[in-house]
Amino acid sequence: MSVDTALDQTKTILTQRGQDYGDAAKLFEQIAQRFSLVLGSKIDSYTAARLLVELKLSRLDMGWKEDSLLDAIGYLSIAADVRATQEVATAPEAGHTWPTRVGSTSPVGPSDLGAYTANLE
């Protein structure tokens, strides 16, 4: 599949999903609220979209499926769109705080990734 084909197909899917489910920004705000309840820590709609990207990438790790790839591209597009409309700092020095672990005041951050990926090797 070419880049143009993947992007065209993703755009078609996103247009159809918009007709089915309405405004993506509102939907992903609701998804973020639900994820926040499960995680015990507030996340934003950008993070919710990124989590769905990770879901689709995990499915691709289990085997190739074009649908998962197109969905991942779609969720990345939504993440980019949501991020562009948010006025949230991205760097710790700019005041960004990482979510905290459930039952702890210790933040979850990029350094935690090593603990998760170590088990994958």
PDB file of N, CA and C in Angstrom:
ATOM      1  N   MET A   1       0.848  -1.161   0.000  1.00  0.00           N
ATOM      2  CA  MET A   1       0.000   0.000   0.000  1.00  0.00           C
ATOM      3  C   MET A   1       0.904   1.237   0.000  1.00  0.00           C
ATOM      4  N   SER A   2       0.596   2.178  -0.847  1.00  0.00           N
ATOM      5  CA  SER A   2       1.386   3.409  -0.920  1.00  0.00           C
ATOM      6  C   SER A   2       0.972   4.369   0.193  1.00  0.00           C
ATOM      7  N   VAL A   3       1.820   5.345   0.449  1.00  0.00           N
ATOM      8  CA  VAL A   3       1.519   6.365   1.451  1.00  0.00           C
ATOM      9  C   VAL A   3       0.222   7.082   1.090  1.00  0.00           C
ATOM     10  N   ASP A   4       0.089   7.475  -0.176  1.00  0.00           N
ATOM     11  CA  ASP A   4      -1.124   8.190  -0.599  1.00  0.00           C
ATOM     12  C   ASP A   4      -2.369   7.347  -0.385  1.00  0.00           C
ATOM     13  N   THR A   5      -2.287   6.060  -0.692  1.00  0.00           N
ATOM     14  CA  THR A   5      -3.431   5.166  -0.504  1.00  0.00           C
ATOM     15  C   THR A   5      -3.786   5.041   0.970  1.00  0.00           C
ATOM     16  N   ALA A   6      -2.768   4.858   1.810  1.00  0.00           N
ATOM     17  CA  ALA A   6      -3.014   4.741   3.252  1.00  0.00           C
ATOM     18  C   ALA A   6      -3.667   6.004   3.800  1.00  0.00           C
ATOM     19  N   LEU A   7      -3.155   7.161   3.388  1.00  0.00           N
ATOM     20  CA  LEU A   7      -3.725   8.416   3.883  1.00  0.00           C
ATOM     21  C   LEU A   7      -5.134   8.640   3.357  1.00  0.00           C
ATOM     22  N   ASP A   8      -5.360   8.312   2.091  1.00  0.00           N
ATOM     23  CA  ASP A   8      -6.703   8.461   1.518  1.00  0.00           C
ATOM     24  C   ASP A   8      -7.701   7.546   2.221  1.00  0.00           C
ATOM     25  N   GLN A   9      -7.301   6.298   2.447  1.00  0.00           N
ATOM     26  CA  GLN A   9      -8.197   5.357   3.117  1.00  0.00           C
ATOM     27  C   GLN A   9      -8.472   5.789   4.558  1.00  0.00           C
ATOM     28  N   THR A  10      -7.442   6.282   5.229  1.00  0.00           N
ATOM     29  CA  THR A  10      -7.616   6.761   6.605  1.00  0.00           C
ATOM     30  C   THR A  10      -8.576   7.937   6.644  1.00  0.00           C
ATOM     31  N   LYS A  11      -8.422   8.857   5.703  1.00  0.00           N
ATOM     32  CA  LYS A  11      -9.319  10.015   5.657  1.00  0.00           C
ATOM     33  C   LYS A  11     -10.770   9.568   5.437  1.00  0.00           C
ATOM     34  N   THR A  12     -10.970   8.590   4.574  1.00  0.00           N
ATOM     35  CA  THR A  12     -12.315   8.060   4.330  1.00  0.00           C
ATOM     36  C   THR A  12     -12.889   7.452   5.606  1.00  0.00           C
ATOM     37  N   ILE A  13     -12.065   6.677   6.302  1.00  0.00           N
ATOM     38  CA  ILE A  13     -12.504   6.054   7.558  1.00  0.00           C
ATOM     39  C   ILE A  13     -12.861   7.120   8.585  1.00  0.00           C
ATOM     40  N   LEU A  14     -12.003   8.135   8.731  1.00  0.00           N
ATOM     41  CA  LEU A  14     -12.262   9.197   9.708  1.00  0.00           C
ATOM     42  C   LEU A  14     -13.534   9.967   9.374  1.00  0.00           C
ATOM     43  N   THR A  15     -13.777  10.206   8.101  1.00  0.00           N
ATOM     44  CA  THR A  15     -14.997  10.894   7.682  1.00  0.00           C
ATOM     45  C   THR A  15     -16.220  10.068   8.048  1.00  0.00           C
ATOM     46  N   GLN A  16     -16.151   8.760   7.786  1.00  0.00           N
ATOM     47  CA  GLN A  16     -17.274   7.875   8.120  1.00  0.00           C
ATOM     48  C   GLN A  16     -17.486   7.809   9.625  1.00  0.00           C
ATOM     49  N   ARG A  17     -16.405   7.695  10.390  1.00  0.00           N
ATOM     50  CA  ARG A  17     -16.525   7.645  11.855  1.00  0.00           C
ATOM     51  C   ARG A  17     -17.111   8.964  12.387  1.00  0.00           C
ATOM     52  N   GLY A  18     -16.754  10.079  11.764  1.00  0.00           N
ATOM     53  CA  GLY A  18     -17.313  11.365  12.157  1.00  0.00           C
ATOM     54  C   GLY A  18     -18.818  11.403  11.953  1.00  0.00           C
ATOM     55  N   GLN A  19     -19.265  10.801  10.858  1.00  0.00           N
ATOM     56  CA  GLN A  19     -20.701  10.734  10.593  1.00  0.00           C
ATOM     57  C   GLN A  19     -21.389   9.801  11.592  1.00  0.00           C
ATOM     58  N   ASP A  20     -20.695   8.721  11.956  1.00  0.00           N
ATOM     59  CA  ASP A  20     -21.271   7.735  12.877  1.00  0.00           C
ATOM     60  C   ASP A  20     -21.285   8.210  14.325  1.00  0.00           C
ATOM     61  N   TYR A  21     -20.184   8.854  14.763  1.00  0.00           N
ATOM     62  CA  TYR A  21     -20.001   9.146  16.188  1.00  0.00           C
ATOM     63  C   TYR A  21     -19.952  10.627  16.532  1.00  0.00           C
ATOM     64  N   GLY A  22     -19.923  11.487  15.551  1.00  0.00           N
ATOM     65  CA  GLY A  22     -19.888  12.918  15.822  1.00  0.00           C
ATOM     66  C   GLY A  22     -18.474  13.458  15.957  1.00  0.00           C
ATOM     67  N   ASP A  23     -18.377  14.616  16.553  1.00  0.00           N
ATOM     68  CA  ASP A  23     -17.125  15.340  16.691  1.00  0.00           C
ATOM     69  C   ASP A  23     -16.077  14.537  17.459  1.00  0.00           C
ATOM     70  N   ALA A  24     -14.902  14.353  16.853  1.00  0.00           N
ATOM     71  CA  ALA A  24     -13.832  13.574  17.473  1.00  0.00           C
ATOM     72  C   ALA A  24     -13.345  14.205  18.768  1.00  0.00           C
ATOM     73  N   ALA A  25     -13.272  15.523  18.823  1.00  0.00           N
ATOM     74  CA  ALA A  25     -12.790  16.186  20.037  1.00  0.00           C
ATOM     75  C   ALA A  25     -13.702  15.861  21.229  1.00  0.00           C
ATOM     76  N   LYS A  26     -14.999  15.899  21.019  1.00  0.00           N
ATOM     77  CA  LYS A  26     -15.945  15.580  22.093  1.00  0.00           C
ATOM     78  C   LYS A  26     -15.861  14.102  22.467  1.00  0.00           C
ATOM     79  N   LEU A  27     -15.802  13.242  21.455  1.00  0.00           N
ATOM     80  CA  LEU A  27     -15.713  11.809  21.702  1.00  0.00           C
ATOM     81  C   LEU A  27     -14.464  11.465  22.503  1.00  0.00           C
ATOM     82  N   PHE A  28     -13.326  12.042  22.118  1.00  0.00           N
ATOM     83  CA  PHE A  28     -12.078  11.703  22.803  1.00  0.00           C
ATOM     84  C   PHE A  28     -11.998  12.336  24.187  1.00  0.00           C
ATOM     85  N   GLU A  29     -12.736  13.386  24.420  1.00  0.00           N
ATOM     86  CA  GLU A  29     -12.842  13.916  25.782  1.00  0.00           C
ATOM     87  C   GLU A  29     -13.596  12.918  26.653  1.00  0.00           C
ATOM     88  N   GLN A  30     -14.655  12.326  26.105  1.00  0.00           N
ATOM     89  CA  GLN A  30     -15.398  11.300  26.842  1.00  0.00           C
ATOM     90  C   GLN A  30     -14.541  10.053  27.066  1.00  0.00           C
ATOM     91  N   ILE A  31     -13.793   9.650  26.044  1.00  0.00           N
ATOM     92  CA  ILE A  31     -12.901   8.496  26.186  1.00  0.00           C
ATOM     93  C   ILE A  31     -11.866   8.773  27.269  1.00  0.00           C
ATOM     94  N   ALA A  32     -11.309   9.980  27.282  1.00  0.00           N
ATOM     95  CA  ALA A  32     -10.317  10.350  28.292  1.00  0.00           C
ATOM     96  C   ALA A  32     -10.921  10.280  29.701  1.00  0.00           C
ATOM     97  N   GLN A  33     -12.153  10.722  29.845  1.00  0.00           N
ATOM     98  CA  GLN A  33     -12.807  10.655  31.151  1.00  0.00           C
ATOM     99  C   GLN A  33     -12.970   9.207  31.606  1.00  0.00           C
ATOM    100  N   ARG A  34     -13.353   8.344  30.688  1.00  0.00           N
ATOM    101  CA  ARG A  34     -13.518   6.927  31.032  1.00  0.00           C
ATOM    102  C   ARG A  34     -12.175   6.277  31.368  1.00  0.00           C
ATOM    103  N   PHE A  35     -11.148   6.555  30.549  1.00  0.00           N
ATOM    104  CA  PHE A  35      -9.816   6.018  30.836  1.00  0.00           C
ATOM    105  C   PHE A  35      -9.326   6.522  32.190  1.00  0.00           C
ATOM    106  N   SER A  36      -9.596   7.785  32.495  1.00  0.00           N
ATOM    107  CA  SER A  36      -9.168   8.367  33.770  1.00  0.00           C
ATOM    108  C   SER A  36      -9.784   7.623  34.949  1.00  0.00           C
ATOM    109  N   LEU A  37     -11.042   7.241  34.823  1.00  0.00           N
ATOM    110  CA  LEU A  37     -11.696   6.474  35.890  1.00  0.00           C
ATOM    111  C   LEU A  37     -11.010   5.132  36.094  1.00  0.00           C
ATOM    112  N   VAL A  38     -10.687   4.468  35.013  1.00  0.00           N
ATOM    113  CA  VAL A  38     -10.038   3.159  35.095  1.00  0.00           C
ATOM    114  C   VAL A  38      -8.620   3.288  35.648  1.00  0.00           C
ATOM    115  N   LEU A  39      -7.884   4.289  35.178  1.00  0.00           N
ATOM    116  CA  LEU A  39      -6.491   4.462  35.579  1.00  0.00           C
ATOM    117  C   LEU A  39      -6.335   5.067  36.971  1.00  0.00           C
ATOM    118  N   GLY A  40      -7.368   5.734  37.446  1.00  0.00           N
ATOM    119  CA  GLY A  40      -7.274   6.406  38.732  1.00  0.00           C
ATOM    120  C   GLY A  40      -6.438   7.668  38.672  1.00  0.00           C
ATOM    121  N   SER A  41      -6.231   8.178  37.461  1.00  0.00           N
ATOM    122  CA  SER A  41      -5.448   9.388  37.243  1.00  0.00           C
ATOM    123  C   SER A  41      -5.994  10.081  36.002  1.00  0.00           C
ATOM    124  N   LYS A  42      -6.133  11.399  36.080  1.00  0.00           N
ATOM    125  CA  LYS A  42      -6.720  12.134  34.968  1.00  0.00           C
ATOM    126  C   LYS A  42      -5.774  12.156  33.766  1.00  0.00           C
ATOM    127  N   ILE A  43      -6.328  11.840  32.611  1.00  0.00           N
ATOM    128  CA  ILE A  43      -5.602  11.983  31.353  1.00  0.00           C
ATOM    129  C   ILE A  43      -6.422  12.877  30.431  1.00  0.00           C
ATOM    130  N   ASP A  44      -5.769  13.419  29.423  1.00  0.00           N
ATOM    131  CA  ASP A  44      -6.473  14.282  28.475  1.00  0.00           C
ATOM    132  C   ASP A  44      -6.807  13.502  27.206  1.00  0.00           C
ATOM    133  N   SER A  45      -7.539  14.147  26.318  1.00  0.00           N
ATOM    134  CA  SER A  45      -7.988  13.482  25.091  1.00  0.00           C
ATOM    135  C   SER A  45      -6.820  13.133  24.171  1.00  0.00           C
ATOM    136  N   TYR A  46      -5.758  13.926  24.196  1.00  0.00           N
ATOM    137  CA  TYR A  46      -4.551  13.613  23.417  1.00  0.00           C
ATOM    138  C   TYR A  46      -3.953  12.290  23.892  1.00  0.00           C
ATOM    139  N   THR A  47      -3.845  12.121  25.191  1.00  0.00           N
ATOM    140  CA  THR A  47      -3.290  10.891  25.744  1.00  0.00           C
ATOM    141  C   THR A  47      -4.211   9.708  25.450  1.00  0.00           C
ATOM    142  N   ALA A  48      -5.512   9.927  25.500  1.00  0.00           N
ATOM    143  CA  ALA A  48      -6.459   8.859  25.173  1.00  0.00           C
ATOM    144  C   ALA A  48      -6.251   8.379  23.735  1.00  0.00           C
ATOM    145  N   ALA A  49      -6.073   9.319  22.819  1.00  0.00           N
ATOM    146  CA  ALA A  49      -5.831   8.945  21.421  1.00  0.00           C
ATOM    147  C   ALA A  49      -4.524   8.173  21.288  1.00  0.00           C
ATOM    148  N   ARG A  50      -3.501   8.609  21.999  1.00  0.00           N
ATOM    149  CA  ARG A  50      -2.209   7.913  21.955  1.00  0.00           C
ATOM    150  C   ARG A  50      -2.316   6.501  22.521  1.00  0.00           C
ATOM    151  N   LEU A  51      -3.139   6.319  23.551  1.00  0.00           N
ATOM    152  CA  LEU A  51      -3.336   4.977  24.102  1.00  0.00           C
ATOM    153  C   LEU A  51      -4.010   4.059  23.083  1.00  0.00           C
ATOM    154  N   LEU A  52      -4.940   4.603  22.336  1.00  0.00           N
ATOM    155  CA  LEU A  52      -5.585   3.802  21.300  1.00  0.00           C
ATOM    156  C   LEU A  52      -4.617   3.467  20.171  1.00  0.00           C
ATOM    157  N   VAL A  53      -3.689   4.381  19.878  1.00  0.00           N
ATOM    158  CA  VAL A  53      -2.629   4.075  18.911  1.00  0.00           C
ATOM    159  C   VAL A  53      -1.835   2.876  19.403  1.00  0.00           C
ATOM    160  N   GLU A  54      -1.477   2.877  20.687  1.00  0.00           N
ATOM    161  CA  GLU A  54      -0.700   1.776  21.253  1.00  0.00           C
ATOM    162  C   GLU A  54      -1.470   0.458  21.171  1.00  0.00           C
ATOM    163  N   LEU A  55      -2.772   0.516  21.360  1.00  0.00           N
ATOM    164  CA  LEU A  55      -3.599  -0.680  21.204  1.00  0.00           C
ATOM    165  C   LEU A  55      -3.458  -1.240  19.793  1.00  0.00           C
ATOM    166  N   LYS A  56      -3.586  -0.359  18.806  1.00  0.00           N
ATOM    167  CA  LYS A  56      -3.503  -0.801  17.414  1.00  0.00           C
ATOM    168  C   LYS A  56      -2.102  -1.309  17.071  1.00  0.00           C
ATOM    169  N   LEU A  57      -1.066  -0.650  17.605  1.00  0.00           N
ATOM    170  CA  LEU A  57       0.300  -1.115  17.354  1.00  0.00           C
ATOM    171  C   LEU A  57       0.541  -2.472  18.016  1.00  0.00           C
ATOM    172  N   SER A  58      -0.056  -2.694  19.173  1.00  0.00           N
ATOM    173  CA  SER A  58       0.053  -3.998  19.832  1.00  0.00           C
ATOM    174  C   SER A  58      -0.589  -5.084  18.978  1.00  0.00           C
ATOM    175  N   ARG A  59      -1.703  -4.749  18.368  1.00  0.00           N
ATOM    176  CA  ARG A  59      -2.345  -5.722  17.477  1.00  0.00           C
ATOM    177  C   ARG A  59      -1.460  -6.028  16.277  1.00  0.00           C
ATOM    178  N   LEU A  60      -0.785  -5.009  15.758  1.00  0.00           N
ATOM    179  CA  LEU A  60       0.136  -5.239  14.638  1.00  0.00           C
ATOM    180  C   LEU A  60       1.310  -6.108  15.068  1.00  0.00           C
ATOM    181  N   ASP A  61       1.722  -6.006  16.325  1.00  0.00           N
ATOM    182  CA  ASP A  61       2.784  -6.874  16.835  1.00  0.00           C
ATOM    183  C   ASP A  61       2.382  -8.344  16.786  1.00  0.00           C
ATOM    184  N   MET A  62       1.090  -8.596  16.837  1.00  0.00           N
ATOM    185  CA  MET A  62       0.585  -9.971  16.812  1.00  0.00           C
ATOM    186  C   MET A  62       0.440 -10.511  15.391  1.00  0.00           C
ATOM    187  N   GLY A  63       0.538  -9.633  14.414  1.00  0.00           N
ATOM    188  CA  GLY A  63       0.425 -10.044  13.019  1.00  0.00           C
ATOM    189  C   GLY A  63      -0.139  -8.916  12.172  1.00  0.00           C
ATOM    190  N   TRP A  64       0.252  -8.918  10.923  1.00  0.00           N
ATOM    191  CA  TRP A  64      -0.149  -7.857  10.002  1.00  0.00           C
ATOM    192  C   TRP A  64      -1.644  -7.879   9.758  1.00  0.00           C
ATOM    193  N   LYS A  65      -2.242  -6.712   9.890  1.00  0.00           N
ATOM    194  CA  LYS A  65      -3.639  -6.523   9.504  1.00  0.00           C
ATOM    195  C   LYS A  65      -3.776  -5.068   9.085  1.00  0.00           C
ATOM    196  N   GLU A  66      -4.122  -4.874   7.829  1.00  0.00           N
ATOM    197  CA  GLU A  66      -4.214  -3.525   7.272  1.00  0.00           C
ATOM    198  C   GLU A  66      -5.136  -2.628   8.083  1.00  0.00           C
ATOM    199  N   ASP A  67      -6.233  -3.181   8.560  1.00  0.00           N
ATOM    200  CA  ASP A  67      -7.198  -2.422   9.336  1.00  0.00           C
ATOM    201  C   ASP A  67      -6.558  -1.800  10.578  1.00  0.00           C
ATOM    202  N   SER A  68      -5.712  -2.558  11.263  1.00  0.00           N
ATOM    203  CA  SER A  68      -5.041  -2.038  12.458  1.00  0.00           C
ATOM    204  C   SER A  68      -4.096  -0.900  12.111  1.00  0.00           C
ATOM    205  N   LEU A  69      -3.403  -1.026  10.990  1.00  0.00           N
ATOM    206  CA  LEU A  69      -2.501   0.035  10.554  1.00  0.00           C
ATOM    207  C   LEU A  69      -3.285   1.315  10.241  1.00  0.00           C
ATOM    208  N   LEU A  70      -4.362   1.186   9.495  1.00  0.00           N
ATOM    209  CA  LEU A  70      -5.168   2.362   9.145  1.00  0.00           C
ATOM    210  C   LEU A  70      -5.790   2.995  10.384  1.00  0.00           C
ATOM    211  N   ASP A  71      -6.234   2.172  11.329  1.00  0.00           N
ATOM    212  CA  ASP A  71      -6.784   2.716  12.569  1.00  0.00           C
ATOM    213  C   ASP A  71      -5.711   3.460  13.361  1.00  0.00           C
ATOM    214  N   ALA A  72      -4.492   2.911  13.414  1.00  0.00           N
ATOM    215  CA  ALA A  72      -3.401   3.588  14.124  1.00  0.00           C
ATOM    216  C   ALA A  72      -3.114   4.946  13.500  1.00  0.00           C
ATOM    217  N   ILE A  73      -3.089   5.001  12.177  1.00  0.00           N
ATOM    218  CA  ILE A  73      -2.879   6.275  11.481  1.00  0.00           C
ATOM    219  C   ILE A  73      -4.012   7.240  11.822  1.00  0.00           C
ATOM    220  N   GLY A  74      -5.226   6.733  11.855  1.00  0.00           N
ATOM    221  CA  GLY A  74      -6.375   7.568  12.194  1.00  0.00           C
ATOM    222  C   GLY A  74      -6.283   8.124  13.605  1.00  0.00           C
ATOM    223  N   TYR A  75      -5.933   7.265  14.569  1.00  0.00           N
ATOM    224  CA  TYR A  75      -5.798   7.734  15.949  1.00  0.00           C
ATOM    225  C   TYR A  75      -4.652   8.728  16.087  1.00  0.00           C
ATOM    226  N   LEU A  76      -3.565   8.519  15.348  1.00  0.00           N
ATOM    227  CA  LEU A  76      -2.474   9.497  15.364  1.00  0.00           C
ATOM    228  C   LEU A  76      -2.940  10.837  14.805  1.00  0.00           C
ATOM    229  N   SER A  77      -3.757  10.788  13.770  1.00  0.00           N
ATOM    230  CA  SER A  77      -4.299  12.018  13.188  1.00  0.00           C
ATOM    231  C   SER A  77      -5.189  12.746  14.186  1.00  0.00           C
ATOM    232  N   ILE A  78      -6.009  11.986  14.887  1.00  0.00           N
ATOM    233  CA  ILE A  78      -6.875  12.581  15.904  1.00  0.00           C
ATOM    234  C   ILE A  78      -6.024  13.164  17.031  1.00  0.00           C
ATOM    235  N   ALA A  79      -4.990  12.441  17.443  1.00  0.00           N
ATOM    236  CA  ALA A  79      -4.095  12.949  18.490  1.00  0.00           C
ATOM    237  C   ALA A  79      -3.475  14.270  18.061  1.00  0.00           C
ATOM    238  N   ALA A  80      -3.036  14.348  16.814  1.00  0.00           N
ATOM    239  CA  ALA A  80      -2.431  15.585  16.311  1.00  0.00           C
ATOM    240  C   ALA A  80      -3.451  16.725  16.307  1.00  0.00           C
ATOM    241  N   ASP A  81      -4.661  16.430  15.886  1.00  0.00           N
ATOM    242  CA  ASP A  81      -5.700  17.451  15.835  1.00  0.00           C
ATOM    243  C   ASP A  81      -6.073  17.931  17.238  1.00  0.00           C
ATOM    244  N   VAL A  82      -6.270  16.994  18.152  1.00  0.00           N
ATOM    245  CA  VAL A  82      -6.618  17.347  19.527  1.00  0.00           C
ATOM    246  C   VAL A  82      -5.481  18.141  20.155  1.00  0.00           C
ATOM    247  N   ARG A  83      -4.260  17.700  19.931  1.00  0.00           N
ATOM    248  CA  ARG A  83      -3.089  18.372  20.507  1.00  0.00           C
ATOM    249  C   ARG A  83      -2.974  19.804  20.001  1.00  0.00           C
ATOM    250  N   ALA A  84      -3.276  20.001  18.750  1.00  0.00           N
ATOM    251  CA  ALA A  84      -3.181  21.343  18.165  1.00  0.00           C
ATOM    252  C   ALA A  84      -4.177  22.311  18.800  1.00  0.00           C
ATOM    253  N   THR A  85      -5.270  21.787  19.325  1.00  0.00           N
ATOM    254  CA  THR A  85      -6.284  22.654  19.913  1.00  0.00           C
ATOM    255  C   THR A  85      -6.120  22.807  21.427  1.00  0.00           C
ATOM    256  N   GLN A  86      -5.262  21.996  22.014  1.00  0.00           N
ATOM    257  CA  GLN A  86      -5.043  22.086  23.462  1.00  0.00           C
ATOM    258  C   GLN A  86      -3.969  23.114  23.781  1.00  0.00           C
ATOM    259  N   GLU A  87      -4.116  23.753  24.894  1.00  0.00           N
ATOM    260  CA  GLU A  87      -3.085  24.676  25.369  1.00  0.00           C
ATOM    261  C   GLU A  87      -2.403  24.022  26.562  1.00  0.00           C
ATOM    262  N   VAL A  88      -1.728  22.898  26.283  1.00  0.00           N
ATOM    263  CA  VAL A  88      -1.078  22.120  27.325  1.00  0.00           C
ATOM    264  C   VAL A  88       0.411  22.116  27.062  1.00  0.00           C
ATOM    265  N   ALA A  89       1.199  22.400  28.054  1.00  0.00           N
ATOM    266  CA  ALA A  89       2.657  22.356  27.913  1.00  0.00           C
ATOM    267  C   ALA A  89       3.101  20.899  27.782  1.00  0.00           C
ATOM    268  N   THR A  90       4.154  20.680  27.014  1.00  0.00           N
ATOM    269  CA  THR A  90       4.611  19.311  26.799  1.00  0.00           C
ATOM    270  C   THR A  90       5.891  18.976  27.536  1.00  0.00           C
ATOM    271  N   ALA A  91       6.635  19.953  27.966  1.00  0.00           N
ATOM    272  CA  ALA A  91       7.918  19.678  28.608  1.00  0.00           C
ATOM    273  C   ALA A  91       7.813  19.850  30.111  1.00  0.00           C
ATOM    274  N   PRO A  92       8.497  18.987  30.887  1.00  0.00           N
ATOM    275  CA  PRO A  92       8.442  19.125  32.345  1.00  0.00           C
ATOM    276  C   PRO A  92       8.859  20.514  32.811  1.00  0.00           C
ATOM    277  N   GLU A  93       9.845  21.108  32.169  1.00  0.00           N
ATOM    278  CA  GLU A  93      10.293  22.442  32.581  1.00  0.00           C
ATOM    279  C   GLU A  93       9.246  23.517  32.280  1.00  0.00           C
ATOM    280  N   ALA A  94       8.283  23.188  31.446  1.00  0.00           N
ATOM    281  CA  ALA A  94       7.215  24.142  31.129  1.00  0.00           C
ATOM    282  C   ALA A  94       5.995  23.921  32.015  1.00  0.00           C
ATOM    283  N   GLY A  95       6.131  23.057  33.008  1.00  0.00           N
ATOM    284  CA  GLY A  95       5.049  22.855  33.956  1.00  0.00           C
ATOM    285  C   GLY A  95       4.211  21.616  33.736  1.00  0.00           C
ATOM    286  N   HIS A  96       4.578  20.774  32.765  1.00  0.00           N
ATOM    287  CA  HIS A  96       3.822  19.543  32.535  1.00  0.00           C
ATOM    288  C   HIS A  96       4.076  18.583  33.687  1.00  0.00           C
ATOM    289  N   THR A  97       3.047  17.934  34.147  1.00  0.00           N
ATOM    290  CA  THR A  97       3.229  16.904  35.166  1.00  0.00           C
ATOM    291  C   THR A  97       2.732  15.581  34.610  1.00  0.00           C
ATOM    292  N   TRP A  98       3.455  14.542  34.919  1.00  0.00           N
ATOM    293  CA  TRP A  98       3.070  13.210  34.475  1.00  0.00           C
ATOM    294  C   TRP A  98       1.968  12.685  35.376  1.00  0.00           C
ATOM    295  N   PRO A  99       1.103  11.811  34.864  1.00  0.00           N
ATOM    296  CA  PRO A  99       0.077  11.204  35.719  1.00  0.00           C
ATOM    297  C   PRO A  99       0.745  10.432  36.850  1.00  0.00           C
ATOM    298  N   THR A 100       0.049  10.289  37.956  1.00  0.00           N
ATOM    299  CA  THR A 100       0.608   9.524  39.066  1.00  0.00           C
ATOM    300  C   THR A 100       0.052   8.116  39.056  1.00  0.00           C
ATOM    301  N   ARG A 101       0.813   7.221  39.652  1.00  0.00           N
ATOM    302  CA  ARG A 101       0.366   5.835  39.781  1.00  0.00           C
ATOM    303  C   ARG A 101      -0.814   5.788  40.737  1.00  0.00           C
ATOM    304  N   VAL A 102      -1.703   4.829  40.535  1.00  0.00           N
ATOM    305  CA  VAL A 102      -2.844   4.662  41.418  1.00  0.00           C
ATOM    306  C   VAL A 102      -2.317   4.330  42.815  1.00  0.00           C
ATOM    307  N   GLY A 103      -2.804   5.038  43.812  1.00  0.00           N
ATOM    308  CA  GLY A 103      -2.402   4.791  45.189  1.00  0.00           C
ATOM    309  C   GLY A 103      -1.020   5.313  45.537  1.00  0.00           C
ATOM    310  N   SER A 104      -0.463   6.202  44.721  1.00  0.00           N
ATOM    311  CA  SER A 104       0.880   6.716  44.956  1.00  0.00           C
ATOM    312  C   SER A 104       0.955   8.168  44.526  1.00  0.00           C
ATOM    313  N   THR A 105       1.916   8.877  45.066  1.00  0.00           N
ATOM    314  CA  THR A 105       2.160  10.243  44.604  1.00  0.00           C
ATOM    315  C   THR A 105       3.338  10.270  43.642  1.00  0.00           C
ATOM    316  N   SER A 106       3.912   9.097  43.385  1.00  0.00           N
ATOM    317  CA  SER A 106       5.054   9.001  42.481  1.00  0.00           C
ATOM    318  C   SER A 106       4.570   9.090  41.036  1.00  0.00           C
ATOM    319  N   PRO A 107       5.155   9.991  40.238  1.00  0.00           N
ATOM    320  CA  PRO A 107       4.665  10.153  38.861  1.00  0.00           C
ATOM    321  C   PRO A 107       5.065   9.004  37.948  1.00  0.00           C
ATOM    322  N   VAL A 108       4.225   8.769  36.974  1.00  0.00           N
ATOM    323  CA  VAL A 108       4.528   7.844  35.901  1.00  0.00           C
ATOM    324  C   VAL A 108       5.113   8.673  34.775  1.00  0.00           C
ATOM    325  N   GLY A 109       6.251   8.299  34.265  1.00  0.00           N
ATOM    326  CA  GLY A 109       6.885   9.094  33.217  1.00  0.00           C
ATOM    327  C   GLY A 109       7.687   8.236  32.270  1.00  0.00           C
ATOM    328  N   PRO A 110       8.443   8.863  31.387  1.00  0.00           N
ATOM    329  CA  PRO A 110       9.202   8.137  30.384  1.00  0.00           C
ATOM    330  C   PRO A 110      10.165   7.118  30.974  1.00  0.00           C
ATOM    331  N   SER A 111      10.694   7.388  32.167  1.00  0.00           N
ATOM    332  CA  SER A 111      11.641   6.446  32.758  1.00  0.00           C
ATOM    333  C   SER A 111      10.979   5.114  33.094  1.00  0.00           C
ATOM    334  N   ASP A 112       9.661   5.102  33.259  1.00  0.00           N
ATOM    335  CA  ASP A 112       8.953   3.868  33.561  1.00  0.00           C
ATOM    336  C   ASP A 112       8.882   2.928  32.364  1.00  0.00           C
ATOM    337  N   LEU A 113       9.104   3.433  31.181  1.00  0.00           N
ATOM    338  CA  LEU A 113       9.000   2.614  29.984  1.00  0.00           C
ATOM    339  C   LEU A 113       9.987   1.458  30.014  1.00  0.00           C
ATOM    340  N   GLY A 114      11.168   1.685  30.546  1.00  0.00           N
ATOM    341  CA  GLY A 114      12.175   0.629  30.616  1.00  0.00           C
ATOM    342  C   GLY A 114      11.692  -0.579  31.379  1.00  0.00           C
ATOM    343  N   ALA A 115      10.986  -0.361  32.472  1.00  0.00           N
ATOM    344  CA  ALA A 115      10.474  -1.470  33.273  1.00  0.00           C
ATOM    345  C   ALA A 115       9.474  -2.291  32.489  1.00  0.00           C
ATOM    346  N   TYR A 116       8.685  -1.627  31.661  1.00  0.00           N
ATOM    347  CA  TYR A 116       7.686  -2.351  30.880  1.00  0.00           C
ATOM    348  C   TYR A 116       8.318  -3.077  29.704  1.00  0.00           C
ATOM    349  N   THR A 117       9.244  -2.429  29.030  1.00  0.00           N
ATOM    350  CA  THR A 117       9.841  -3.040  27.842  1.00  0.00           C
ATOM    351  C   THR A 117      10.852  -4.107  28.190  1.00  0.00           C
ATOM    352  N   ALA A 118      11.417  -4.089  29.392  1.00  0.00           N
ATOM    353  CA  ALA A 118      12.386  -5.104  29.794  1.00  0.00           C
ATOM    354  C   ALA A 118      11.753  -6.485  29.772  1.00  0.00           C
ATOM    355  N   ASN A 119      10.485  -6.556  30.084  1.00  0.00           N
ATOM    356  CA  ASN A 119       9.779  -7.842  30.107  1.00  0.00           C
ATOM    357  C   ASN A 119       9.469  -8.357  28.704  1.00  0.00           C
ATOM    358  N   LEU A 120       9.627  -7.514  27.687  1.00  0.00           N
ATOM    359  CA  LEU A 120       9.288  -7.908  26.322  1.00  0.00           C
ATOM    360  C   LEU A 120      10.442  -8.626  25.640  1.00  0.00           C
ATOM    361  N   GLU A 121      11.634  -8.502  26.185  1.00  0.00           N
ATOM    362  CA  GLU A 121      12.804  -9.088  25.528  1.00  0.00           C
ATOM    363  C   GLU A 121      13.024 -10.519  25.901  1.00  0.00           C
TER     364      GLU A 121
END
